[in-house]
């Protein structure tokens, strides 16, 4: 039975996959250090010791029936022998091969890659090695957002390579407005198929992520970028949008024709209702854009909470209808 994992704890399946990969990793290197191996697998040295002690209990049917794996890790170095039956690296599964191929193809689309011949050869070798396991990835179309073409990406890359500050005009959908700000670039990254500039925003005095397809204009300044020492990279493994607890909690009810709102804006909660309707909950520091959104949705959406925002939307809608009367 697979163990139940708590937050941040690996499952029994995770550990089994690691154990199956650990033996080929060590055997292919003959002798490898404990610290190096733990770092390669993203675990602590104590977790590595636990894994090695587990491998001592494994018995293989070849080369001889019930042949135990022989290993040692004295002196901080790992040596494995008598493990011929499991010394070959694991083959990629269908989902793993497809994810890796799609990711590499997406990377090849970036203009900052330059000469992509090495990447193309890697993709070709992986396709050949994956065989049928990688064939579904060919059905996935990769398209990155550039908006103004590759000029924004090229200018961001140039600013990064030369350590220059940039001035950008940036569209903020949460407030439905364009803002201008100076940014000291930190890195260019891709998250879920979208390109972002991470930088120190001089307007917010904080690290911010800017989607390249929302940069309306960009200018490289003749000023050196000065990222403060306390600036830290954002954790892109979690949610990119981080609402503040002080933001207003808004509840909207959407008809089937308005469900695109739940896909476009970051929501804290999405509840499925009857007839394809949804009730979404989100946070925002400014409800003005929500008011305009509700008016634009018309019968496809209505504000449930906060009550004062719902009242204002009804008043604005009534005033607009009065003009038609």
C-alpha atoms as a PDB file:
ATOM      1  CA  UNK A   1       0.000   0.000   0.000  1.00  0.00           C
ATOM      2  CA  UNK A   2       1.363   3.427  -0.925  1.00  0.00           C
ATOM      3  CA  UNK A   3       2.091   5.630   2.064  1.00  0.00           C
ATOM      4  CA  UNK A   4       0.041   8.737   2.528  1.00  0.00           C
ATOM      5  CA  UNK A   5       2.233  11.813   2.227  1.00  0.00           C
ATOM      6  CA  UNK A   6       1.723  15.019   4.124  1.00  0.00           C
ATOM      7  CA  UNK A   7       2.641  18.465   2.793  1.00  0.00           C
ATOM      8  CA  UNK A   8       6.170  18.366   1.400  1.00  0.00           C
ATOM      9  CA  UNK A   9       6.614  14.658   2.229  1.00  0.00           C
ATOM     10  CA  UNK A  10       7.415  12.201  -0.582  1.00  0.00           C
ATOM     11  CA  UNK A  11       5.164   9.206  -1.134  1.00  0.00           C
ATOM     12  CA  UNK A  12       6.312   5.590  -1.134  1.00  0.00           C
ATOM     13  CA  UNK A  13       6.159   5.722  -4.937  1.00  0.00           C
ATOM     14  CA  UNK A  14       8.503   8.730  -4.966  1.00  0.00           C
ATOM     15  CA  UNK A  15      10.993   6.872  -2.815  1.00  0.00           C
ATOM     16  CA  UNK A  16      10.785   3.720  -4.929  1.00  0.00           C
ATOM     17  CA  UNK A  17      11.541   5.727  -8.071  1.00  0.00           C
ATOM     18  CA  UNK A  18      14.508   7.307  -6.309  1.00  0.00           C
ATOM     19  CA  UNK A  19      15.837   3.918  -5.170  1.00  0.00           C
ATOM     20  CA  UNK A  20      15.567   2.547  -8.718  1.00  0.00           C
ATOM     21  CA  UNK A  21      17.494   5.553 -10.052  1.00  0.00           C
ATOM     22  CA  UNK A  22      20.066   5.561  -7.244  1.00  0.00           C
ATOM     23  CA  UNK A  23      21.736   2.286  -8.159  1.00  0.00           C
ATOM     24  CA  UNK A  24      22.435   3.142 -11.853  1.00  0.00           C
ATOM     25  CA  UNK A  25      23.641   6.585 -10.758  1.00  0.00           C
ATOM     26  CA  UNK A  26      26.273   5.117  -8.421  1.00  0.00           C
ATOM     27  CA  UNK A  27      27.247   2.155 -10.639  1.00  0.00           C
ATOM     28  CA  UNK A  28      27.867   4.407 -13.663  1.00  0.00           C
ATOM     29  CA  UNK A  29      30.341   6.429 -11.575  1.00  0.00           C
ATOM     30  CA  UNK A  30      31.998   3.484  -9.770  1.00  0.00           C
ATOM     31  CA  UNK A  31      32.575   5.594  -6.662  1.00  0.00           C
ATOM     32  CA  UNK A  32      30.635   8.747  -5.779  1.00  0.00           C
ATOM     33  CA  UNK A  33      30.557  11.017  -2.727  1.00  0.00           C
ATOM     34  CA  UNK A  34      27.650  11.108  -0.281  1.00  0.00           C
ATOM     35  CA  UNK A  35      27.253  14.895  -0.466  1.00  0.00           C
ATOM     36  CA  UNK A  36      27.332  14.894  -4.281  1.00  0.00           C
ATOM     37  CA  UNK A  37      24.731  12.122  -4.508  1.00  0.00           C
ATOM     38  CA  UNK A  38      22.388  13.733  -1.984  1.00  0.00           C
ATOM     39  CA  UNK A  39      22.576  17.028  -3.882  1.00  0.00           C
ATOM     40  CA  UNK A  40      21.898  15.277  -7.209  1.00  0.00           C
ATOM     41  CA  UNK A  41      18.699  13.711  -5.850  1.00  0.00           C
ATOM     42  CA  UNK A  42      17.614  16.768  -3.866  1.00  0.00           C
ATOM     43  CA  UNK A  43      17.630  15.021  -0.492  1.00  0.00           C
ATOM     44  CA  UNK A  44      19.588  15.288   2.739  1.00  0.00           C
ATOM     45  CA  UNK A  45      22.519  13.012   3.538  1.00  0.00           C
ATOM     46  CA  UNK A  46      20.460  11.386   6.296  1.00  0.00           C
ATOM     47  CA  UNK A  47      17.702  10.564   3.777  1.00  0.00           C
ATOM     48  CA  UNK A  48      20.384   9.136   1.491  1.00  0.00           C
ATOM     49  CA  UNK A  49      21.675   6.919   4.319  1.00  0.00           C
ATOM     50  CA  UNK A  50      18.111   5.678   4.890  1.00  0.00           C
ATOM     51  CA  UNK A  51      17.827   4.837   1.178  1.00  0.00           C
ATOM     52  CA  UNK A  52      21.145   2.968   1.183  1.00  0.00           C
ATOM     53  CA  UNK A  53      20.110   0.987   4.257  1.00  0.00           C
ATOM     54  CA  UNK A  54      16.905   0.093   2.427  1.00  0.00           C
ATOM     55  CA  UNK A  55      18.887  -1.133  -0.601  1.00  0.00           C
ATOM     56  CA  UNK A  56      20.778  -3.493   1.681  1.00  0.00           C
ATOM     57  CA  UNK A  57      17.479  -5.327   2.178  1.00  0.00           C
ATOM     58  CA  UNK A  58      16.891  -5.784  -1.567  1.00  0.00           C
ATOM     59  CA  UNK A  59      17.536  -9.229  -3.038  1.00  0.00           C
ATOM     60  CA  UNK A  60      17.681  -9.790  -6.794  1.00  0.00           C
ATOM     61  CA  UNK A  61      17.009 -12.933  -8.800  1.00  0.00           C
ATOM     62  CA  UNK A  62      20.111 -12.420 -10.967  1.00  0.00           C
ATOM     63  CA  UNK A  63      22.939 -13.098 -11.472  1.00  0.00           C
ATOM     64  CA  UNK A  64      22.121 -15.725  -8.821  1.00  0.00           C
ATOM     65  CA  UNK A  65      18.747 -16.437  -7.168  1.00  0.00           C
ATOM     66  CA  UNK A  66      18.173 -14.195  -4.177  1.00  0.00           C
ATOM     67  CA  UNK A  67      21.423 -12.298  -4.551  1.00  0.00           C
ATOM     68  CA  UNK A  68      21.623  -9.318  -2.156  1.00  0.00           C
ATOM     69  CA  UNK A  69      22.978  -5.974  -3.350  1.00  0.00           C
ATOM     70  CA  UNK A  70      26.445  -5.313  -1.975  1.00  0.00           C
ATOM     71  CA  UNK A  71      27.162  -1.704  -1.096  1.00  0.00           C
ATOM     72  CA  UNK A  72      29.140   0.439   1.299  1.00  0.00           C
ATOM     73  CA  UNK A  73      29.263   4.120   2.147  1.00  0.00           C
ATOM     74  CA  UNK A  74      32.122   4.308   4.585  1.00  0.00           C
ATOM     75  CA  UNK A  75      34.379   7.335   4.439  1.00  0.00           C
ATOM     76  CA  UNK A  76      31.740   9.443   2.726  1.00  0.00           C
ATOM     77  CA  UNK A  77      31.916   7.504  -0.591  1.00  0.00           C
ATOM     78  CA  UNK A  78      29.329   5.089  -1.999  1.00  0.00           C
ATOM     79  CA  UNK A  79      30.262   1.866  -3.779  1.00  0.00           C
ATOM     80  CA  UNK A  80      27.632  -0.538  -5.173  1.00  0.00           C
ATOM     81  CA  UNK A  81      28.240  -4.001  -6.616  1.00  0.00           C
ATOM     82  CA  UNK A  82      26.273  -7.171  -7.346  1.00  0.00           C
ATOM     83  CA  UNK A  83      23.456  -5.069  -8.801  1.00  0.00           C
ATOM     84  CA  UNK A  84      23.681  -6.050 -12.464  1.00  0.00           C
ATOM     85  CA  UNK A  85      19.929  -6.649 -12.712  1.00  0.00           C
ATOM     86  CA  UNK A  86      19.102  -3.006 -11.967  1.00  0.00           C
ATOM     87  CA  UNK A  87      22.190  -1.090 -13.064  1.00  0.00           C
ATOM     88  CA  UNK A  88      20.595   0.291 -16.239  1.00  0.00           C
ATOM     89  CA  UNK A  89      19.009   3.764 -16.104  1.00  0.00           C
ATOM     90  CA  UNK A  90      15.214   3.843 -16.030  1.00  0.00           C
ATOM     91  CA  UNK A  91      13.397   4.491 -19.295  1.00  0.00           C
ATOM     92  CA  UNK A  92      11.186   7.535 -19.520  1.00  0.00           C
ATOM     93  CA  UNK A  93       7.472   6.986 -19.184  1.00  0.00           C
ATOM     94  CA  UNK A  94       5.050   8.447 -21.737  1.00  0.00           C
ATOM     95  CA  UNK A  95       4.210  11.473 -19.565  1.00  0.00           C
ATOM     96  CA  UNK A  96       7.872  12.098 -18.676  1.00  0.00           C
ATOM     97  CA  UNK A  97       9.102  11.847 -22.271  1.00  0.00           C
ATOM     98  CA  UNK A  98       6.336  14.106 -23.550  1.00  0.00           C
ATOM     99  CA  UNK A  99       6.852  16.727 -20.845  1.00  0.00           C
ATOM    100  CA  UNK A 100      10.604  16.830 -21.495  1.00  0.00           C
ATOM    101  CA  UNK A 101      10.196  17.085 -25.285  1.00  0.00           C
ATOM    102  CA  UNK A 102       7.556  19.815 -25.060  1.00  0.00           C
ATOM    103  CA  UNK A 103       9.737  21.758 -22.620  1.00  0.00           C
ATOM    104  CA  UNK A 104      12.795  21.513 -24.885  1.00  0.00           C
ATOM    105  CA  UNK A 105      10.805  22.600 -27.944  1.00  0.00           C
ATOM    106  CA  UNK A 106       9.435  25.553 -25.999  1.00  0.00           C
ATOM    107  CA  UNK A 107      12.990  26.470 -24.964  1.00  0.00           C
ATOM    108  CA  UNK A 108      14.095  26.294 -28.599  1.00  0.00           C
ATOM    109  CA  UNK A 109      11.493  28.979 -29.455  1.00  0.00           C
ATOM    110  CA  UNK A 110      13.228  31.580 -27.283  1.00  0.00           C
ATOM    111  CA  UNK A 111      15.214  34.092 -29.361  1.00  0.00           C
ATOM    112  CA  UNK A 112      17.800  34.383 -26.579  1.00  0.00           C
ATOM    113  CA  UNK A 113      18.939  30.815 -27.300  1.00  0.00           C
ATOM    114  CA  UNK A 114      20.877  31.977 -30.367  1.00  0.00           C
ATOM    115  CA  UNK A 115      22.475  28.998 -32.099  1.00  0.00           C
ATOM    116  CA  UNK A 116      20.081  26.205 -31.246  1.00  0.00           C
ATOM    117  CA  UNK A 117      21.963  23.439 -33.054  1.00  0.00           C
ATOM    118  CA  UNK A 118      23.002  21.726 -29.812  1.00  0.00           C
ATOM    119  CA  UNK A 119      19.444  21.908 -28.521  1.00  0.00           C
ATOM    120  CA  UNK A 120      18.092  20.531 -31.814  1.00  0.00           C
ATOM    121  CA  UNK A 121      20.489  17.595 -31.625  1.00  0.00           C
ATOM    122  CA  UNK A 122      19.408  16.922 -28.046  1.00  0.00           C
ATOM    123  CA  UNK A 123      15.745  16.936 -29.056  1.00  0.00           C
ATOM    124  CA  UNK A 124      16.458  14.569 -31.953  1.00  0.00           C
ATOM    125  CA  UNK A 125      18.368  12.142 -29.713  1.00  0.00           C
ATOM    126  CA  UNK A 126      15.631  12.229 -27.088  1.00  0.00           C
ATOM    127  CA  UNK A 127      12.941  11.585 -29.728  1.00  0.00           C
ATOM    128  CA  UNK A 128      14.911   8.581 -30.977  1.00  0.00           C
ATOM    129  CA  UNK A 129      15.494   7.247 -27.472  1.00  0.00           C
ATOM    130  CA  UNK A 130      11.906   7.803 -26.328  1.00  0.00           C
ATOM    131  CA  UNK A 131      10.426   6.054 -29.348  1.00  0.00           C
ATOM    132  CA  UNK A 132       6.676   5.578 -29.054  1.00  0.00           C
ATOM    133  CA  UNK A 133       6.696   7.068 -25.546  1.00  0.00           C
ATOM    134  CA  UNK A 134       7.504  10.491 -26.999  1.00  0.00           C
ATOM    135  CA  UNK A 135       5.163  10.402 -29.990  1.00  0.00           C
ATOM    136  CA  UNK A 136       2.181  12.112 -28.241  1.00  0.00           C
ATOM    137  CA  UNK A 137       4.335  15.232 -27.721  1.00  0.00           C
ATOM    138  CA  UNK A 138       4.196  15.859 -31.483  1.00  0.00           C
ATOM    139  CA  UNK A 139       0.487  16.634 -31.076  1.00  0.00           C
ATOM    140  CA  UNK A 140       1.258  19.553 -28.730  1.00  0.00           C
ATOM    141  CA  UNK A 141       1.690  22.954 -30.366  1.00  0.00           C
ATOM    142  CA  UNK A 142       4.128  25.253 -28.582  1.00  0.00           C
ATOM    143  CA  UNK A 143       3.480  28.978 -28.853  1.00  0.00           C
ATOM    144  CA  UNK A 144       5.056  31.626 -26.652  1.00  0.00           C
ATOM    145  CA  UNK A 145       3.647  35.115 -26.099  1.00  0.00           C
ATOM    146  CA  UNK A 146       5.687  37.977 -27.488  1.00  0.00           C
ATOM    147  CA  UNK A 147       3.032  40.659 -28.265  1.00  0.00           C
ATOM    148  CA  UNK A 148       5.364  43.165 -29.933  1.00  0.00           C
ATOM    149  CA  UNK A 149       7.205  40.380 -31.692  1.00  0.00           C
ATOM    150  CA  UNK A 150      10.652  39.423 -30.562  1.00  0.00           C
ATOM    151  CA  UNK A 151      11.663  43.056 -30.021  1.00  0.00           C
ATOM    152  CA  UNK A 152      10.599  43.097 -26.361  1.00  0.00           C
ATOM    153  CA  UNK A 153      12.396  39.820 -25.636  1.00  0.00           C
ATOM    154  CA  UNK A 154      15.472  40.987 -27.544  1.00  0.00           C
ATOM    155  CA  UNK A 155      15.613  44.285 -25.661  1.00  0.00           C
ATOM    156  CA  UNK A 156      15.136  42.596 -22.294  1.00  0.00           C
ATOM    157  CA  UNK A 157      17.928  40.158 -23.168  1.00  0.00           C
ATOM    158  CA  UNK A 158      20.178  43.033 -24.226  1.00  0.00           C
ATOM    159  CA  UNK A 159      19.463  44.961 -21.016  1.00  0.00           C
ATOM    160  CA  UNK A 160      20.291  41.870 -18.950  1.00  0.00           C
ATOM    161  CA  UNK A 161      23.547  41.170 -20.792  1.00  0.00           C
ATOM    162  CA  UNK A 162      24.708  44.789 -20.469  1.00  0.00           C
ATOM    163  CA  UNK A 163      23.389  45.357 -16.941  1.00  0.00           C
ATOM    164  CA  UNK A 164      21.134  48.275 -17.957  1.00  0.00           C
ATOM    165  CA  UNK A 165      17.931  49.660 -16.449  1.00  0.00           C
ATOM    166  CA  UNK A 166      14.808  49.686 -18.622  1.00  0.00           C
ATOM    167  CA  UNK A 167      11.816  52.000 -18.773  1.00  0.00           C
ATOM    168  CA  UNK A 168       8.598  50.165 -19.608  1.00  0.00           C
ATOM    169  CA  UNK A 169       4.968  50.925 -20.214  1.00  0.00           C
ATOM    170  CA  UNK A 170       3.089  48.017 -18.660  1.00  0.00           C
ATOM    171  CA  UNK A 171      -0.555  47.006 -18.759  1.00  0.00           C
ATOM    172  CA  UNK A 172      -1.973  46.012 -15.349  1.00  0.00           C
ATOM    173  CA  UNK A 173      -5.184  43.984 -15.905  1.00  0.00           C
ATOM    174  CA  UNK A 174      -6.036  44.116 -12.201  1.00  0.00           C
ATOM    175  CA  UNK A 175      -6.569  47.877 -12.531  1.00  0.00           C
ATOM    176  CA  UNK A 176      -7.251  47.964 -16.277  1.00  0.00           C
ATOM    177  CA  UNK A 177      -4.622  50.658 -16.800  1.00  0.00           C
ATOM    178  CA  UNK A 178      -1.226  51.222 -18.346  1.00  0.00           C
ATOM    179  CA  UNK A 179       1.575  52.270 -16.006  1.00  0.00           C
ATOM    180  CA  UNK A 180       5.112  53.484 -16.596  1.00  0.00           C
ATOM    181  CA  UNK A 181       8.029  52.465 -14.430  1.00  0.00           C
ATOM    182  CA  UNK A 182      11.799  51.960 -14.346  1.00  0.00           C
ATOM    183  CA  UNK A 183      12.951  48.390 -13.773  1.00  0.00           C
ATOM    184  CA  UNK A 184      16.363  46.912 -13.017  1.00  0.00           C
ATOM    185  CA  UNK A 185      16.276  43.516 -14.796  1.00  0.00           C
ATOM    186  CA  UNK A 186      17.236  40.407 -12.810  1.00  0.00           C
ATOM    187  CA  UNK A 187      16.392  37.500 -15.127  1.00  0.00           C
ATOM    188  CA  UNK A 188      14.220  36.346 -18.021  1.00  0.00           C
ATOM    189  CA  UNK A 189      12.163  33.206 -17.384  1.00  0.00           C
ATOM    190  CA  UNK A 190       9.366  31.119 -18.839  1.00  0.00           C
ATOM    191  CA  UNK A 191       6.519  29.880 -16.654  1.00  0.00           C
ATOM    192  CA  UNK A 192       3.719  27.742 -18.128  1.00  0.00           C
ATOM    193  CA  UNK A 193       4.531  28.878 -21.667  1.00  0.00           C
ATOM    194  CA  UNK A 194       4.615  32.614 -20.877  1.00  0.00           C
ATOM    195  CA  UNK A 195       7.758  34.738 -20.795  1.00  0.00           C
ATOM    196  CA  UNK A 196       8.403  37.014 -17.813  1.00  0.00           C
ATOM    197  CA  UNK A 197      10.912  39.672 -16.881  1.00  0.00           C
ATOM    198  CA  UNK A 198      11.846  39.533 -13.217  1.00  0.00           C
ATOM    199  CA  UNK A 199      13.286  42.779 -11.953  1.00  0.00           C
ATOM    200  CA  UNK A 200      13.522  45.361  -9.208  1.00  0.00           C
ATOM    201  CA  UNK A 201      10.672  47.798  -9.846  1.00  0.00           C
ATOM    202  CA  UNK A 202      11.692  51.355  -8.899  1.00  0.00           C
ATOM    203  CA  UNK A 203       8.040  52.358  -8.639  1.00  0.00           C
ATOM    204  CA  UNK A 204       7.052  49.590  -6.206  1.00  0.00           C
ATOM    205  CA  UNK A 205      10.484  49.353  -4.556  1.00  0.00           C
ATOM    206  CA  UNK A 206      10.176  45.569  -4.703  1.00  0.00           C
ATOM    207  CA  UNK A 207      10.825  42.561  -6.939  1.00  0.00           C
ATOM    208  CA  UNK A 208       8.122  42.190  -9.573  1.00  0.00           C
ATOM    209  CA  UNK A 209       7.351  39.853 -12.477  1.00  0.00           C
ATOM    210  CA  UNK A 210       6.293  41.452 -15.776  1.00  0.00           C
ATOM    211  CA  UNK A 211       4.667  39.364 -18.487  1.00  0.00           C
ATOM    212  CA  UNK A 212       6.340  40.243 -21.771  1.00  0.00           C
ATOM    213  CA  UNK A 213       3.064  40.204 -23.685  1.00  0.00           C
ATOM    214  CA  UNK A 214       1.810  42.985 -21.382  1.00  0.00           C
ATOM    215  CA  UNK A 215       4.798  45.273 -21.942  1.00  0.00           C
ATOM    216  CA  UNK A 216       3.405  47.958 -24.243  1.00  0.00           C
ATOM    217  CA  UNK A 217       6.735  49.712 -24.812  1.00  0.00           C
ATOM    218  CA  UNK A 218      10.307  49.296 -23.595  1.00  0.00           C
ATOM    219  CA  UNK A 219      13.381  51.515 -23.658  1.00  0.00           C
ATOM    220  CA  UNK A 220      16.891  50.596 -22.530  1.00  0.00           C
ATOM    221  CA  UNK A 221      18.245  53.444 -20.412  1.00  0.00           C
ATOM    222  CA  UNK A 222      21.837  54.594 -20.293  1.00  0.00           C
ATOM    223  CA  UNK A 223      21.822  53.848 -16.572  1.00  0.00           C
ATOM    224  CA  UNK A 224      23.383  50.843 -14.868  1.00  0.00           C
ATOM    225  CA  UNK A 225      20.924  48.466 -13.228  1.00  0.00           C
ATOM    226  CA  UNK A 226      21.225  48.562  -9.443  1.00  0.00           C
ATOM    227  CA  UNK A 227      19.406  45.634  -7.865  1.00  0.00           C
ATOM    228  CA  UNK A 228      19.477  45.957  -4.050  1.00  0.00           C
ATOM    229  CA  UNK A 229      21.350  43.270  -2.155  1.00  0.00           C
ATOM    230  CA  UNK A 230      18.177  42.290  -0.269  1.00  0.00           C
ATOM    231  CA  UNK A 231      16.260  41.559  -3.496  1.00  0.00           C
ATOM    232  CA  UNK A 232      15.388  37.864  -3.790  1.00  0.00           C
ATOM    233  CA  UNK A 233      14.190  35.864  -6.778  1.00  0.00           C
ATOM    234  CA  UNK A 234      10.493  35.042  -6.768  1.00  0.00           C
ATOM    235  CA  UNK A 235       9.482  31.427  -6.207  1.00  0.00           C
ATOM    236  CA  UNK A 236       7.881  30.579  -9.558  1.00  0.00           C
ATOM    237  CA  UNK A 237       6.950  27.060  -8.393  1.00  0.00           C
ATOM    238  CA  UNK A 238       4.093  28.573  -6.389  1.00  0.00           C
ATOM    239  CA  UNK A 239       1.436  31.036  -7.521  1.00  0.00           C
ATOM    240  CA  UNK A 240       2.823  34.015  -9.412  1.00  0.00           C
ATOM    241  CA  UNK A 241       0.044  36.245  -8.135  1.00  0.00           C
ATOM    242  CA  UNK A 242       0.263  36.876  -4.417  1.00  0.00           C
ATOM    243  CA  UNK A 243      -2.671  38.895  -3.101  1.00  0.00           C
ATOM    244  CA  UNK A 244      -2.285  40.825   0.106  1.00  0.00           C
ATOM    245  CA  UNK A 245      -4.487  39.974   3.117  1.00  0.00           C
ATOM    246  CA  UNK A 246      -5.520  43.635   3.074  1.00  0.00           C
ATOM    247  CA  UNK A 247      -6.990  43.328  -0.440  1.00  0.00           C
ATOM    248  CA  UNK A 248     -10.757  43.393  -0.871  1.00  0.00           C
ATOM    249  CA  UNK A 249     -12.407  39.966  -1.133  1.00  0.00           C
ATOM    250  CA  UNK A 250     -14.752  39.926  -4.142  1.00  0.00           C
ATOM    251  CA  UNK A 251     -17.289  37.222  -5.021  1.00  0.00           C
ATOM    252  CA  UNK A 252     -18.672  37.050  -8.567  1.00  0.00           C
ATOM    253  CA  UNK A 253     -21.280  34.726 -10.031  1.00  0.00           C
ATOM    254  CA  UNK A 254     -20.728  33.970 -13.703  1.00  0.00           C
ATOM    255  CA  UNK A 255     -23.000  32.533 -16.366  1.00  0.00           C
ATOM    256  CA  UNK A 256     -21.585  29.959 -18.754  1.00  0.00           C
ATOM    257  CA  UNK A 257     -20.771  32.714 -21.262  1.00  0.00           C
ATOM    258  CA  UNK A 258     -18.775  34.578 -18.615  1.00  0.00           C
ATOM    259  CA  UNK A 259     -16.667  31.682 -17.321  1.00  0.00           C
ATOM    260  CA  UNK A 260     -13.641  33.088 -19.182  1.00  0.00           C
ATOM    261  CA  UNK A 261     -13.219  35.458 -16.225  1.00  0.00           C
ATOM    262  CA  UNK A 262     -12.264  32.512 -13.991  1.00  0.00           C
ATOM    263  CA  UNK A 263      -9.603  31.483 -16.501  1.00  0.00           C
ATOM    264  CA  UNK A 264      -8.184  34.961 -17.112  1.00  0.00           C
ATOM    265  CA  UNK A 265      -7.994  36.358 -13.577  1.00  0.00           C
ATOM    266  CA  UNK A 266      -6.260  34.632 -10.611  1.00  0.00           C
ATOM    267  CA  UNK A 267      -8.950  33.320  -8.259  1.00  0.00           C
ATOM    268  CA  UNK A 268      -8.728  32.090  -4.694  1.00  0.00           C
ATOM    269  CA  UNK A 269     -11.708  29.807  -5.172  1.00  0.00           C
ATOM    270  CA  UNK A 270     -13.832  28.590  -8.092  1.00  0.00           C
ATOM    271  CA  UNK A 271     -17.126  26.839  -7.340  1.00  0.00           C
ATOM    272  CA  UNK A 272     -19.101  24.998 -10.011  1.00  0.00           C
ATOM    273  CA  UNK A 273     -22.839  25.750 -10.003  1.00  0.00           C
ATOM    274  CA  UNK A 274     -25.782  24.445 -12.004  1.00  0.00           C
ATOM    275  CA  UNK A 275     -26.242  25.154 -15.720  1.00  0.00           C
ATOM    276  CA  UNK A 276     -22.521  25.710 -16.268  1.00  0.00           C
ATOM    277  CA  UNK A 277     -22.391  28.726 -13.940  1.00  0.00           C
ATOM    278  CA  UNK A 278     -19.470  29.482 -11.639  1.00  0.00           C
ATOM    279  CA  UNK A 279     -18.988  31.390  -8.412  1.00  0.00           C
ATOM    280  CA  UNK A 280     -15.475  32.776  -8.095  1.00  0.00           C
ATOM    281  CA  UNK A 281     -13.647  34.464  -5.240  1.00  0.00           C
ATOM    282  CA  UNK A 282     -10.697  36.764  -5.787  1.00  0.00           C
ATOM    283  CA  UNK A 283      -8.801  39.527  -4.016  1.00  0.00           C
ATOM    284  CA  UNK A 284      -7.914  42.946  -5.385  1.00  0.00           C
ATOM    285  CA  UNK A 285      -6.491  46.172  -3.957  1.00  0.00           C
ATOM    286  CA  UNK A 286      -8.779  48.200  -6.259  1.00  0.00           C
ATOM    287  CA  UNK A 287     -12.423  47.281  -6.996  1.00  0.00           C
ATOM    288  CA  UNK A 288     -12.815  49.871  -9.751  1.00  0.00           C
ATOM    289  CA  UNK A 289     -11.802  47.402 -12.444  1.00  0.00           C
ATOM    290  CA  UNK A 290     -14.247  44.837 -11.017  1.00  0.00           C
ATOM    291  CA  UNK A 291     -17.044  47.404 -11.370  1.00  0.00           C
ATOM    292  CA  UNK A 292     -16.144  47.954 -15.037  1.00  0.00           C
ATOM    293  CA  UNK A 293     -15.856  44.200 -15.570  1.00  0.00           C
ATOM    294  CA  UNK A 294     -19.301  43.572 -14.076  1.00  0.00           C
ATOM    295  CA  UNK A 295     -20.857  46.248 -16.311  1.00  0.00           C
ATOM    296  CA  UNK A 296     -19.193  44.742 -19.356  1.00  0.00           C
ATOM    297  CA  UNK A 297     -20.407  41.237 -18.449  1.00  0.00           C
ATOM    298  CA  UNK A 298     -24.019  42.394 -18.207  1.00  0.00           C
ATOM    299  CA  UNK A 299     -26.284  39.405 -17.658  1.00  0.00           C
ATOM    300  CA  UNK A 300     -23.309  37.039 -17.851  1.00  0.00           C
ATOM    301  CA  UNK A 301     -22.024  38.048 -14.432  1.00  0.00           C
ATOM    302  CA  UNK A 302     -23.011  39.774 -11.208  1.00  0.00           C
ATOM    303  CA  UNK A 303     -21.268  40.908  -8.042  1.00  0.00           C
ATOM    304  CA  UNK A 304     -22.320  39.017  -4.916  1.00  0.00           C
ATOM    305  CA  UNK A 305     -19.887  40.579  -2.451  1.00  0.00           C
ATOM    306  CA  UNK A 306     -18.954  43.068  -1.110  1.00  0.00           C
ATOM    307  CA  UNK A 307     -22.504  44.519  -0.890  1.00  0.00           C
ATOM    308  CA  UNK A 308     -21.404  48.122  -1.459  1.00  0.00           C
ATOM    309  CA  UNK A 309     -19.732  47.134  -4.738  1.00  0.00           C
ATOM    310  CA  UNK A 310     -22.842  45.222  -5.840  1.00  0.00           C
ATOM    311  CA  UNK A 311     -25.009  48.278  -5.058  1.00  0.00           C
ATOM    312  CA  UNK A 312     -22.733  50.547  -7.056  1.00  0.00           C
ATOM    313  CA  UNK A 313     -22.810  48.244 -10.073  1.00  0.00           C
ATOM    314  CA  UNK A 314     -26.630  48.175  -9.965  1.00  0.00           C
ATOM    315  CA  UNK A 315     -26.752  51.972  -9.762  1.00  0.00           C
ATOM    316  CA  UNK A 316     -24.360  52.373 -12.700  1.00  0.00           C
ATOM    317  CA  UNK A 317     -26.286  49.824 -14.752  1.00  0.00           C
ATOM    318  CA  UNK A 318     -29.567  51.583 -13.961  1.00  0.00           C
ATOM    319  CA  UNK A 319     -28.124  54.955 -14.974  1.00  0.00           C
ATOM    320  CA  UNK A 320     -26.901  53.491 -18.263  1.00  0.00           C
ATOM    321  CA  UNK A 321     -30.303  51.958 -19.026  1.00  0.00           C
ATOM    322  CA  UNK A 322     -31.991  55.292 -18.263  1.00  0.00           C
ATOM    323  CA  UNK A 323     -30.188  56.871 -21.196  1.00  0.00           C
ATOM    324  CA  UNK A 324     -31.765  54.319 -23.522  1.00  0.00           C
ATOM    325  CA  UNK A 325     -35.221  55.067 -22.098  1.00  0.00           C
END
